[in-house]
């Protein structure tokens, strides 16, 4: 088992305090004033988009103040939408077991996200990173740390014939996780270009 030494992305996270189980019953009510304001902002968004269209047509440039305003309206809309609907439920589910297919692995996981049109994901680094932190935090691994770090593999994708091995490097102890690094080999499945 080899854990990659170079991690291109570092994600810092903190555990949120316990949320009320009843919050979802009233959470959507708090968005009503936001939707009222957003109604007027979307009217302004439409007007500024028409102005921006002609500005781009004649000058070839998107006026920065209009761009910032429109982007702000879209971001606010996405945040309110997530808070009121998407954030109430979950779009994915990570199921795991400590019974593994290969000796030396820390866990075997499967990630299902049917709401996102993903019946099963063969490799989910972000979810497995959280799982690795969970396993260390609850002292649920069968291995000992090396210099304060747990280095192990989470298996995923075997049951859909797309086996993945997600390497984890978790710094911390039971009850106190300080850092999680996720890595592994990858395969290019698509290429493309984005034109702005």
N, C-alpha and C. Protein backbone atom coordinates (compact mmCIF):
# COMPACT_ATOMS: atom_id res chain seq x y z
N UNK A 1 0.84 -1.18 0.00
CA UNK A 1 0.00 0.00 0.00
C UNK A 1 0.88 1.24 0.00
N UNK A 2 0.67 2.09 -0.98
CA UNK A 2 1.44 3.32 -1.10
C UNK A 2 0.49 4.50 -1.11
N UNK A 3 0.77 5.47 -0.29
CA UNK A 3 -0.03 6.69 -0.27
C UNK A 3 0.76 7.76 -1.00
N UNK A 4 0.12 8.43 -1.95
CA UNK A 4 0.79 9.46 -2.73
C UNK A 4 1.32 10.55 -1.80
N UNK A 5 2.52 11.04 -2.10
CA UNK A 5 3.14 12.04 -1.23
C UNK A 5 2.77 13.46 -1.65
N UNK A 6 2.31 13.64 -2.87
CA UNK A 6 1.96 14.98 -3.35
C UNK A 6 0.44 15.06 -3.48
N UNK A 7 -0.14 16.05 -2.83
CA UNK A 7 -1.57 16.25 -2.88
C UNK A 7 -1.84 17.60 -3.53
N UNK A 8 -2.50 17.61 -4.69
CA UNK A 8 -2.69 18.87 -5.39
C UNK A 8 -3.72 19.79 -4.75
N UNK A 9 -4.58 19.26 -3.89
CA UNK A 9 -5.62 20.07 -3.29
C UNK A 9 -5.61 19.85 -1.79
N UNK A 10 -5.74 20.91 -1.04
CA UNK A 10 -5.85 20.80 0.42
C UNK A 10 -7.20 21.38 0.81
N UNK A 11 -7.95 20.63 1.57
CA UNK A 11 -9.27 21.06 2.02
C UNK A 11 -9.26 21.11 3.54
N UNK A 12 -9.55 22.26 4.10
CA UNK A 12 -9.67 22.40 5.54
C UNK A 12 -11.15 22.43 5.88
N UNK A 13 -11.53 21.73 6.92
CA UNK A 13 -12.94 21.67 7.30
C UNK A 13 -13.03 21.70 8.82
N UNK A 14 -14.20 22.02 9.30
CA UNK A 14 -14.46 21.99 10.73
C UNK A 14 -15.80 21.32 10.95
N UNK A 15 -15.93 20.68 12.07
CA UNK A 15 -17.16 20.01 12.42
C UNK A 15 -18.15 21.03 12.95
N UNK A 16 -19.32 21.12 12.34
CA UNK A 16 -20.34 22.05 12.79
C UNK A 16 -20.95 21.56 14.10
N UNK A 17 -21.41 22.47 14.92
CA UNK A 17 -22.08 22.04 16.14
C UNK A 17 -23.37 21.30 15.78
N UNK A 18 -23.85 20.53 16.71
CA UNK A 18 -25.06 19.73 16.47
C UNK A 18 -26.24 20.62 16.08
N UNK A 19 -26.92 20.26 15.00
CA UNK A 19 -28.08 21.02 14.54
C UNK A 19 -29.36 20.41 15.09
N UNK A 20 -30.36 21.22 15.23
CA UNK A 20 -31.65 20.75 15.72
C UNK A 20 -32.30 19.83 14.70
N UNK A 21 -32.89 18.76 15.17
CA UNK A 21 -33.59 17.83 14.28
C UNK A 21 -34.88 18.43 13.73
N UNK A 22 -35.37 19.49 14.34
CA UNK A 22 -36.64 20.10 13.93
C UNK A 22 -36.45 21.34 13.09
N UNK A 23 -35.22 21.74 12.84
CA UNK A 23 -34.95 22.96 12.10
C UNK A 23 -35.55 22.94 10.70
N UNK A 24 -35.57 21.77 10.06
CA UNK A 24 -36.07 21.69 8.69
C UNK A 24 -37.54 22.07 8.60
N UNK A 25 -38.28 21.98 9.69
CA UNK A 25 -39.70 22.32 9.66
C UNK A 25 -39.94 23.82 9.49
N UNK A 26 -39.00 24.65 9.96
CA UNK A 26 -39.19 26.09 9.87
C UNK A 26 -38.15 26.76 8.98
N UNK A 27 -37.15 26.02 8.56
CA UNK A 27 -36.05 26.62 7.80
C UNK A 27 -36.51 27.30 6.52
N UNK A 28 -37.43 26.69 5.80
CA UNK A 28 -37.90 27.26 4.54
C UNK A 28 -38.65 28.57 4.74
N UNK A 29 -39.28 28.77 5.90
CA UNK A 29 -40.01 30.01 6.16
C UNK A 29 -39.05 31.20 6.18
N UNK A 30 -37.83 30.97 6.63
CA UNK A 30 -36.84 32.04 6.71
C UNK A 30 -36.40 32.54 5.34
N UNK A 31 -36.70 31.79 4.30
CA UNK A 31 -36.29 32.20 2.95
C UNK A 31 -37.31 33.11 2.26
N UNK A 32 -38.51 33.23 2.79
CA UNK A 32 -39.56 34.03 2.14
C UNK A 32 -39.11 35.47 1.89
N UNK A 33 -38.53 36.18 2.88
CA UNK A 33 -38.06 37.54 2.59
C UNK A 33 -36.98 37.57 1.49
N UNK A 34 -36.14 36.56 1.46
CA UNK A 34 -35.12 36.50 0.42
C UNK A 34 -35.75 36.38 -0.96
N UNK A 35 -36.75 35.52 -1.08
CA UNK A 35 -37.40 35.36 -2.38
C UNK A 35 -38.12 36.63 -2.82
N UNK A 36 -38.67 37.39 -1.88
CA UNK A 36 -39.33 38.66 -2.23
C UNK A 36 -38.29 39.63 -2.80
N UNK A 37 -37.16 39.77 -2.13
CA UNK A 37 -36.10 40.66 -2.62
C UNK A 37 -35.55 40.14 -3.95
N UNK A 38 -35.35 38.83 -4.04
CA UNK A 38 -34.81 38.26 -5.28
C UNK A 38 -35.75 38.46 -6.47
N UNK A 39 -37.05 38.53 -6.25
CA UNK A 39 -37.98 38.81 -7.33
C UNK A 39 -37.63 40.13 -8.00
N UNK A 40 -37.41 41.16 -7.19
CA UNK A 40 -37.06 42.48 -7.74
C UNK A 40 -35.65 42.47 -8.34
N UNK A 41 -34.76 41.75 -7.71
CA UNK A 41 -33.40 41.67 -8.26
C UNK A 41 -33.38 40.96 -9.61
N UNK A 42 -34.22 39.95 -9.79
CA UNK A 42 -34.26 39.26 -11.09
C UNK A 42 -34.86 40.14 -12.18
N UNK A 43 -35.77 41.02 -11.81
CA UNK A 43 -36.28 42.00 -12.79
C UNK A 43 -35.13 42.91 -13.21
N UNK A 44 -34.36 43.39 -12.22
CA UNK A 44 -33.19 44.22 -12.54
C UNK A 44 -32.15 43.42 -13.31
N UNK A 45 -32.00 42.13 -12.98
CA UNK A 45 -31.07 41.25 -13.69
C UNK A 45 -31.42 41.19 -15.17
N UNK A 46 -32.71 41.05 -15.46
CA UNK A 46 -33.15 40.99 -16.86
C UNK A 46 -32.81 42.29 -17.59
N UNK A 47 -33.10 43.42 -16.95
CA UNK A 47 -32.82 44.73 -17.56
C UNK A 47 -31.32 44.90 -17.79
N UNK A 48 -30.51 44.60 -16.78
CA UNK A 48 -29.06 44.77 -16.94
C UNK A 48 -28.49 43.78 -17.96
N UNK A 49 -29.11 42.62 -18.10
CA UNK A 49 -28.65 41.65 -19.11
C UNK A 49 -28.89 42.17 -20.52
N UNK A 50 -30.03 42.85 -20.72
CA UNK A 50 -30.31 43.47 -22.03
C UNK A 50 -29.29 44.57 -22.30
N UNK A 51 -29.01 45.40 -21.30
CA UNK A 51 -28.00 46.45 -21.45
C UNK A 51 -26.63 45.82 -21.75
N UNK A 52 -26.29 44.77 -21.04
CA UNK A 52 -25.01 44.09 -21.25
C UNK A 52 -24.93 43.49 -22.65
N UNK A 53 -26.05 42.96 -23.15
CA UNK A 53 -26.07 42.40 -24.49
C UNK A 53 -25.65 43.45 -25.52
N UNK A 54 -26.26 44.62 -25.43
CA UNK A 54 -25.92 45.68 -26.39
C UNK A 54 -24.50 46.21 -26.17
N UNK A 55 -24.07 46.27 -24.92
CA UNK A 55 -22.70 46.70 -24.64
C UNK A 55 -21.70 45.72 -25.25
N UNK A 56 -21.97 44.44 -25.12
CA UNK A 56 -21.08 43.42 -25.71
C UNK A 56 -21.15 43.49 -27.23
N UNK A 57 -22.34 43.71 -27.75
CA UNK A 57 -22.52 43.77 -29.21
C UNK A 57 -21.72 44.92 -29.82
N UNK A 58 -21.72 46.09 -29.17
CA UNK A 58 -21.06 47.26 -29.74
C UNK A 58 -19.61 47.44 -29.29
N UNK A 59 -19.29 47.02 -28.09
CA UNK A 59 -17.92 47.25 -27.59
C UNK A 59 -17.10 45.97 -27.49
N UNK A 60 -17.77 44.84 -27.50
CA UNK A 60 -17.05 43.57 -27.36
C UNK A 60 -16.66 43.26 -25.92
N UNK A 61 -17.17 44.03 -24.97
CA UNK A 61 -16.83 43.83 -23.56
C UNK A 61 -18.10 43.79 -22.70
N UNK A 62 -18.04 42.95 -21.68
CA UNK A 62 -19.12 42.88 -20.70
C UNK A 62 -18.79 43.91 -19.62
N UNK A 63 -19.62 44.93 -19.43
CA UNK A 63 -19.31 45.95 -18.42
C UNK A 63 -19.16 45.32 -17.03
N UNK A 64 -18.05 45.58 -16.40
CA UNK A 64 -17.72 44.94 -15.12
C UNK A 64 -18.78 45.16 -14.04
N UNK A 65 -19.30 46.38 -13.86
CA UNK A 65 -20.32 46.56 -12.81
C UNK A 65 -21.58 45.71 -13.06
N UNK A 66 -21.98 45.61 -14.32
CA UNK A 66 -23.16 44.80 -14.65
C UNK A 66 -22.85 43.32 -14.41
N UNK A 67 -21.66 42.90 -14.81
CA UNK A 67 -21.25 41.51 -14.58
C UNK A 67 -21.27 41.19 -13.09
N UNK A 68 -20.69 42.05 -12.27
CA UNK A 68 -20.66 41.83 -10.82
C UNK A 68 -22.07 41.78 -10.23
N UNK A 69 -22.95 42.67 -10.69
CA UNK A 69 -24.32 42.66 -10.20
C UNK A 69 -25.02 41.35 -10.57
N UNK A 70 -24.95 40.97 -11.85
CA UNK A 70 -25.62 39.75 -12.29
C UNK A 70 -25.07 38.51 -11.59
N UNK A 71 -23.76 38.47 -11.43
CA UNK A 71 -23.16 37.34 -10.72
C UNK A 71 -23.63 37.29 -9.28
N UNK A 72 -23.72 38.45 -8.63
CA UNK A 72 -24.21 38.51 -7.26
C UNK A 72 -25.64 38.01 -7.13
N UNK A 73 -26.49 38.39 -8.09
CA UNK A 73 -27.88 37.93 -8.07
C UNK A 73 -27.93 36.41 -8.21
N UNK A 74 -27.14 35.86 -9.13
CA UNK A 74 -27.15 34.41 -9.32
C UNK A 74 -26.61 33.68 -8.09
N UNK A 75 -25.55 34.20 -7.51
CA UNK A 75 -24.99 33.56 -6.30
C UNK A 75 -25.99 33.59 -5.15
N UNK A 76 -26.65 34.73 -4.96
CA UNK A 76 -27.63 34.84 -3.89
C UNK A 76 -28.77 33.85 -4.13
N UNK A 77 -29.22 33.74 -5.38
CA UNK A 77 -30.29 32.80 -5.72
C UNK A 77 -29.87 31.38 -5.42
N UNK A 78 -28.65 31.01 -5.81
CA UNK A 78 -28.18 29.64 -5.56
C UNK A 78 -28.09 29.35 -4.07
N UNK A 79 -27.62 30.32 -3.31
CA UNK A 79 -27.49 30.10 -1.86
C UNK A 79 -28.85 29.94 -1.20
N UNK A 80 -29.79 30.79 -1.56
CA UNK A 80 -31.13 30.69 -0.98
C UNK A 80 -31.79 29.39 -1.40
N UNK A 81 -31.61 29.02 -2.66
CA UNK A 81 -32.18 27.76 -3.16
C UNK A 81 -31.60 26.57 -2.41
N UNK A 82 -30.30 26.57 -2.23
CA UNK A 82 -29.67 25.47 -1.51
C UNK A 82 -30.16 25.42 -0.07
N UNK A 83 -30.20 26.56 0.57
CA UNK A 83 -30.63 26.62 1.97
C UNK A 83 -32.05 26.12 2.13
N UNK A 84 -32.93 26.51 1.20
CA UNK A 84 -34.35 26.21 1.37
C UNK A 84 -34.75 24.82 0.90
N UNK A 85 -34.08 24.29 -0.10
CA UNK A 85 -34.52 23.00 -0.64
C UNK A 85 -33.43 21.95 -0.61
N UNK A 86 -32.37 22.15 -1.37
CA UNK A 86 -31.34 21.13 -1.50
C UNK A 86 -30.70 20.83 -0.16
N UNK A 87 -30.45 21.84 0.64
CA UNK A 87 -29.79 21.63 1.92
C UNK A 87 -30.64 20.89 2.93
N UNK A 88 -31.94 20.79 2.69
CA UNK A 88 -32.81 20.08 3.62
C UNK A 88 -32.66 18.57 3.49
N UNK A 89 -32.35 18.13 2.32
CA UNK A 89 -32.18 16.70 2.11
C UNK A 89 -30.75 16.42 1.74
N UNK A 90 -30.52 15.24 1.28
CA UNK A 90 -29.18 14.90 0.85
C UNK A 90 -29.25 14.42 -0.59
N UNK A 91 -28.22 14.70 -1.34
CA UNK A 91 -28.21 14.26 -2.73
C UNK A 91 -27.36 13.01 -2.90
N UNK A 92 -26.69 12.60 -1.86
CA UNK A 92 -25.85 11.41 -1.97
C UNK A 92 -25.78 10.67 -0.66
N UNK A 93 -25.41 9.39 -0.75
CA UNK A 93 -25.31 8.56 0.44
C UNK A 93 -24.06 7.69 0.32
N UNK A 94 -23.17 7.78 1.28
CA UNK A 94 -21.98 6.96 1.32
C UNK A 94 -22.23 5.82 2.29
N UNK A 95 -22.25 4.61 1.76
CA UNK A 95 -22.39 3.41 2.60
C UNK A 95 -21.01 2.77 2.71
N UNK A 96 -20.65 2.30 3.89
CA UNK A 96 -19.32 1.71 4.03
C UNK A 96 -19.35 0.54 4.99
N UNK A 97 -18.33 -0.28 4.88
CA UNK A 97 -18.11 -1.38 5.80
C UNK A 97 -16.63 -1.48 6.06
N UNK A 98 -16.27 -1.99 7.21
CA UNK A 98 -14.85 -2.20 7.49
C UNK A 98 -14.40 -3.57 6.98
N UNK A 99 -15.33 -4.36 6.47
CA UNK A 99 -14.96 -5.62 5.81
C UNK A 99 -14.51 -5.28 4.40
N UNK A 100 -13.27 -5.56 4.09
CA UNK A 100 -12.68 -5.14 2.82
C UNK A 100 -12.41 -6.33 1.91
N UNK A 101 -12.23 -6.04 0.64
CA UNK A 101 -11.90 -7.07 -0.34
C UNK A 101 -10.41 -7.40 -0.30
N UNK A 102 -9.60 -6.40 0.00
CA UNK A 102 -8.15 -6.57 0.04
C UNK A 102 -7.65 -6.34 1.46
N UNK A 103 -6.71 -7.18 1.89
CA UNK A 103 -6.16 -6.97 3.22
C UNK A 103 -5.34 -5.68 3.22
N UNK A 104 -5.38 -4.97 4.31
CA UNK A 104 -4.65 -3.72 4.41
C UNK A 104 -5.50 -2.49 4.13
N UNK A 105 -6.67 -2.65 3.54
CA UNK A 105 -7.55 -1.50 3.30
C UNK A 105 -8.26 -1.13 4.59
N UNK A 106 -8.59 0.14 4.73
CA UNK A 106 -9.28 0.61 5.93
C UNK A 106 -10.77 0.39 5.90
N UNK A 107 -11.37 0.46 4.69
CA UNK A 107 -12.83 0.30 4.56
C UNK A 107 -13.17 0.07 3.10
N UNK A 108 -14.37 -0.40 2.87
CA UNK A 108 -14.91 -0.51 1.51
C UNK A 108 -16.15 0.37 1.47
N UNK A 109 -16.23 1.25 0.48
CA UNK A 109 -17.33 2.22 0.42
C UNK A 109 -18.06 2.16 -0.91
N UNK A 110 -19.31 2.57 -0.87
CA UNK A 110 -20.12 2.75 -2.09
C UNK A 110 -20.87 4.07 -1.93
N UNK A 111 -20.88 4.87 -3.01
CA UNK A 111 -21.53 6.18 -2.96
C UNK A 111 -22.66 6.22 -3.98
N UNK A 112 -23.88 6.51 -3.50
CA UNK A 112 -25.05 6.57 -4.37
C UNK A 112 -25.59 8.00 -4.36
N UNK A 113 -25.87 8.54 -5.56
CA UNK A 113 -26.42 9.89 -5.66
C UNK A 113 -27.47 9.93 -6.78
N UNK A 114 -28.59 9.24 -6.62
CA UNK A 114 -29.59 9.20 -7.70
C UNK A 114 -30.20 10.56 -8.02
N UNK A 115 -30.26 11.47 -7.04
CA UNK A 115 -30.81 12.80 -7.31
C UNK A 115 -29.92 13.59 -8.26
N UNK A 116 -28.64 13.24 -8.33
CA UNK A 116 -27.70 13.88 -9.24
C UNK A 116 -27.47 13.04 -10.49
N UNK A 117 -28.34 12.06 -10.72
CA UNK A 117 -28.26 11.16 -11.88
C UNK A 117 -26.98 10.33 -11.86
N UNK A 118 -26.52 9.96 -10.66
CA UNK A 118 -25.37 9.09 -10.49
C UNK A 118 -25.84 7.88 -9.70
N UNK A 119 -26.18 6.77 -10.39
CA UNK A 119 -26.64 5.60 -9.65
C UNK A 119 -25.60 5.13 -8.62
N UNK A 120 -24.33 5.06 -9.04
CA UNK A 120 -23.26 4.75 -8.11
C UNK A 120 -21.96 5.35 -8.64
N UNK A 121 -21.24 6.03 -7.77
CA UNK A 121 -19.99 6.69 -8.16
C UNK A 121 -18.83 5.74 -7.88
N UNK A 122 -17.93 5.52 -8.85
CA UNK A 122 -16.83 4.60 -8.63
C UNK A 122 -15.74 5.14 -7.71
N UNK A 123 -15.60 6.46 -7.59
CA UNK A 123 -14.58 7.04 -6.73
C UNK A 123 -15.04 8.41 -6.25
N UNK A 124 -15.18 8.55 -4.94
CA UNK A 124 -15.66 9.81 -4.38
C UNK A 124 -14.66 10.25 -3.31
N UNK A 125 -13.66 11.01 -3.73
CA UNK A 125 -12.60 11.43 -2.81
C UNK A 125 -13.10 12.27 -1.66
N UNK A 126 -14.02 13.20 -1.94
CA UNK A 126 -14.49 14.09 -0.87
C UNK A 126 -15.23 13.30 0.21
N UNK A 127 -16.09 12.38 -0.20
CA UNK A 127 -16.84 11.58 0.77
C UNK A 127 -15.91 10.62 1.52
N UNK A 128 -14.95 10.05 0.80
CA UNK A 128 -14.01 9.13 1.46
C UNK A 128 -13.07 9.87 2.40
N UNK A 129 -12.77 11.13 2.09
CA UNK A 129 -11.98 11.94 3.02
C UNK A 129 -12.70 12.12 4.33
N UNK A 130 -13.99 12.43 4.24
CA UNK A 130 -14.80 12.57 5.46
C UNK A 130 -14.90 11.23 6.20
N UNK A 131 -15.03 10.14 5.44
CA UNK A 131 -15.09 8.81 6.05
C UNK A 131 -13.79 8.50 6.78
N UNK A 132 -12.66 8.83 6.16
CA UNK A 132 -11.37 8.60 6.81
C UNK A 132 -11.26 9.35 8.12
N UNK A 133 -11.71 10.61 8.12
CA UNK A 133 -11.70 11.39 9.35
C UNK A 133 -12.62 10.76 10.40
N UNK A 134 -13.76 10.26 9.98
CA UNK A 134 -14.70 9.60 10.89
C UNK A 134 -14.07 8.36 11.51
N UNK A 135 -13.42 7.54 10.67
CA UNK A 135 -12.82 6.30 11.17
C UNK A 135 -11.72 6.58 12.20
N UNK A 136 -10.90 7.60 11.93
CA UNK A 136 -9.84 7.94 12.89
C UNK A 136 -10.44 8.57 14.14
N UNK A 137 -11.39 9.48 13.97
CA UNK A 137 -12.01 10.16 15.10
C UNK A 137 -12.65 9.17 16.08
N UNK A 138 -13.21 8.08 15.55
CA UNK A 138 -13.89 7.09 16.39
C UNK A 138 -13.04 5.86 16.65
N UNK A 139 -11.74 5.96 16.35
CA UNK A 139 -10.79 4.87 16.61
C UNK A 139 -11.29 3.55 16.02
N UNK A 140 -11.78 3.60 14.78
CA UNK A 140 -12.40 2.43 14.16
C UNK A 140 -11.49 1.73 13.15
N UNK A 141 -10.21 2.09 13.12
CA UNK A 141 -9.29 1.44 12.19
C UNK A 141 -8.52 0.35 12.90
N UNK A 142 -8.13 -0.67 12.13
CA UNK A 142 -7.38 -1.79 12.69
C UNK A 142 -5.88 -1.57 12.55
N UNK A 143 -5.46 -0.35 12.24
CA UNK A 143 -4.03 -0.12 12.07
C UNK A 143 -3.54 0.94 13.04
N UNK A 144 -2.24 0.94 13.23
CA UNK A 144 -1.61 1.89 14.15
C UNK A 144 -1.07 3.07 13.35
N UNK A 145 -1.07 4.25 13.96
CA UNK A 145 -0.52 5.42 13.24
C UNK A 145 1.00 5.36 13.17
N UNK A 146 1.53 5.98 12.11
CA UNK A 146 2.97 6.12 11.95
C UNK A 146 3.28 7.61 12.08
N UNK A 147 4.00 7.99 13.11
CA UNK A 147 4.35 9.38 13.38
C UNK A 147 3.11 10.27 13.44
N UNK A 148 2.06 9.79 14.09
CA UNK A 148 0.84 10.57 14.26
C UNK A 148 -0.07 10.63 13.05
N UNK A 149 0.21 9.80 12.03
CA UNK A 149 -0.60 9.82 10.81
C UNK A 149 -1.09 8.40 10.50
N UNK A 150 -2.35 8.33 10.13
CA UNK A 150 -2.93 7.07 9.67
C UNK A 150 -2.91 7.09 8.14
N UNK A 151 -2.27 6.11 7.54
CA UNK A 151 -2.20 6.03 6.08
C UNK A 151 -2.86 4.72 5.67
N UNK A 152 -3.94 4.85 4.90
CA UNK A 152 -4.69 3.65 4.51
C UNK A 152 -5.45 3.90 3.22
N UNK A 153 -6.09 2.86 2.73
CA UNK A 153 -6.81 2.89 1.46
C UNK A 153 -8.28 2.60 1.71
N UNK A 154 -9.14 3.31 1.00
CA UNK A 154 -10.57 2.98 0.99
C UNK A 154 -10.90 2.45 -0.40
N UNK A 155 -11.49 1.26 -0.43
CA UNK A 155 -11.89 0.63 -1.70
C UNK A 155 -13.25 1.18 -2.12
N UNK A 156 -13.43 1.35 -3.41
CA UNK A 156 -14.71 1.81 -3.93
C UNK A 156 -14.84 1.40 -5.39
N UNK A 157 -16.04 1.21 -5.88
CA UNK A 157 -16.31 0.96 -7.29
C UNK A 157 -16.22 -0.49 -7.73
N UNK A 158 -15.90 -1.40 -6.84
CA UNK A 158 -15.72 -2.80 -7.24
C UNK A 158 -17.01 -3.45 -7.74
N UNK A 159 -18.13 -3.08 -7.18
CA UNK A 159 -19.39 -3.73 -7.54
C UNK A 159 -20.01 -3.20 -8.83
N UNK A 160 -19.38 -2.19 -9.42
CA UNK A 160 -19.81 -1.71 -10.74
C UNK A 160 -18.68 -1.89 -11.75
N UNK A 161 -17.75 -2.77 -11.40
CA UNK A 161 -16.62 -3.12 -12.27
C UNK A 161 -15.76 -1.91 -12.66
N UNK A 162 -15.64 -0.96 -11.74
CA UNK A 162 -14.75 0.19 -11.92
C UNK A 162 -14.01 0.41 -10.60
N UNK A 163 -13.17 -0.56 -10.24
CA UNK A 163 -12.52 -0.49 -8.93
C UNK A 163 -11.62 0.72 -8.77
N UNK A 164 -11.74 1.36 -7.63
CA UNK A 164 -10.93 2.53 -7.29
C UNK A 164 -10.30 2.31 -5.93
N UNK A 165 -9.12 2.84 -5.76
CA UNK A 165 -8.45 2.79 -4.47
C UNK A 165 -8.10 4.22 -4.09
N UNK A 166 -8.72 4.70 -3.04
CA UNK A 166 -8.56 6.08 -2.61
C UNK A 166 -7.60 6.09 -1.42
N UNK A 167 -6.47 6.75 -1.60
CA UNK A 167 -5.45 6.82 -0.56
C UNK A 167 -5.76 7.94 0.41
N UNK A 168 -5.67 7.61 1.68
CA UNK A 168 -5.93 8.60 2.72
C UNK A 168 -4.73 8.72 3.66
N UNK A 169 -4.50 9.94 4.08
CA UNK A 169 -3.45 10.25 5.05
C UNK A 169 -4.11 11.17 6.06
N UNK A 170 -4.41 10.62 7.24
CA UNK A 170 -5.16 11.37 8.25
C UNK A 170 -4.25 11.63 9.45
N UNK A 171 -4.09 12.91 9.79
CA UNK A 171 -3.29 13.30 10.95
C UNK A 171 -4.23 13.55 12.11
N UNK A 172 -3.94 12.91 13.23
CA UNK A 172 -4.76 13.12 14.41
C UNK A 172 -4.87 11.87 15.24
N UNK A 173 -5.74 11.96 16.21
CA UNK A 173 -5.99 10.84 17.11
C UNK A 173 -7.50 10.71 17.31
N UNK A 174 -7.88 9.66 18.04
CA UNK A 174 -9.29 9.48 18.33
C UNK A 174 -9.82 10.70 19.07
N UNK A 175 -10.88 11.27 18.56
CA UNK A 175 -11.47 12.46 19.16
C UNK A 175 -10.90 13.77 18.66
N UNK A 176 -9.79 13.72 17.89
CA UNK A 176 -9.20 14.98 17.43
C UNK A 176 -8.48 14.75 16.10
N UNK A 177 -9.19 14.98 15.00
CA UNK A 177 -8.60 14.89 13.67
C UNK A 177 -8.15 16.28 13.26
N UNK A 178 -6.89 16.39 12.82
CA UNK A 178 -6.33 17.69 12.47
C UNK A 178 -6.25 17.94 10.98
N UNK A 179 -6.01 16.88 10.20
CA UNK A 179 -5.80 17.07 8.77
C UNK A 179 -6.14 15.78 8.03
N UNK A 180 -6.72 15.94 6.84
CA UNK A 180 -7.04 14.79 5.99
C UNK A 180 -6.52 15.08 4.59
N UNK A 181 -5.74 14.15 4.05
CA UNK A 181 -5.26 14.27 2.68
C UNK A 181 -5.83 13.10 1.89
N UNK A 182 -6.32 13.40 0.70
CA UNK A 182 -6.93 12.39 -0.17
C UNK A 182 -6.15 12.36 -1.48
N UNK A 183 -5.85 11.19 -1.98
CA UNK A 183 -5.13 11.09 -3.24
C UNK A 183 -5.36 9.74 -3.90
N UNK A 184 -4.71 9.55 -5.02
CA UNK A 184 -4.81 8.29 -5.73
C UNK A 184 -4.60 8.47 -7.21
N UNK A 185 -4.53 7.36 -7.91
CA UNK A 185 -4.37 7.40 -9.36
C UNK A 185 -5.69 7.81 -10.01
N UNK A 186 -5.60 8.37 -11.20
CA UNK A 186 -6.81 8.77 -11.91
C UNK A 186 -6.71 8.39 -13.37
N UNK A 187 -7.84 8.38 -14.02
CA UNK A 187 -7.94 8.05 -15.44
C UNK A 187 -8.75 9.15 -16.11
N UNK A 188 -8.28 9.65 -17.25
CA UNK A 188 -9.04 10.66 -17.98
C UNK A 188 -10.22 9.98 -18.67
N UNK A 189 -11.42 10.45 -18.37
CA UNK A 189 -12.61 9.87 -18.99
C UNK A 189 -13.25 10.81 -20.00
N UNK A 190 -12.84 12.07 -19.98
CA UNK A 190 -13.38 13.03 -20.95
C UNK A 190 -12.44 14.23 -21.04
N UNK A 191 -12.40 14.85 -22.18
CA UNK A 191 -11.64 16.07 -22.38
C UNK A 191 -12.54 17.10 -23.05
N UNK A 192 -12.24 18.35 -22.82
CA UNK A 192 -13.05 19.38 -23.45
C UNK A 192 -12.46 20.75 -23.20
N UNK A 193 -13.10 21.73 -23.78
CA UNK A 193 -12.69 23.12 -23.63
C UNK A 193 -13.90 23.94 -23.28
N UNK A 194 -13.67 24.96 -22.47
CA UNK A 194 -14.73 25.90 -22.10
C UNK A 194 -14.36 27.25 -22.69
N UNK A 195 -15.26 27.80 -23.47
CA UNK A 195 -15.04 29.12 -24.07
C UNK A 195 -15.91 30.14 -23.35
N UNK A 196 -15.27 31.20 -22.89
CA UNK A 196 -16.02 32.24 -22.17
C UNK A 196 -16.02 33.50 -23.02
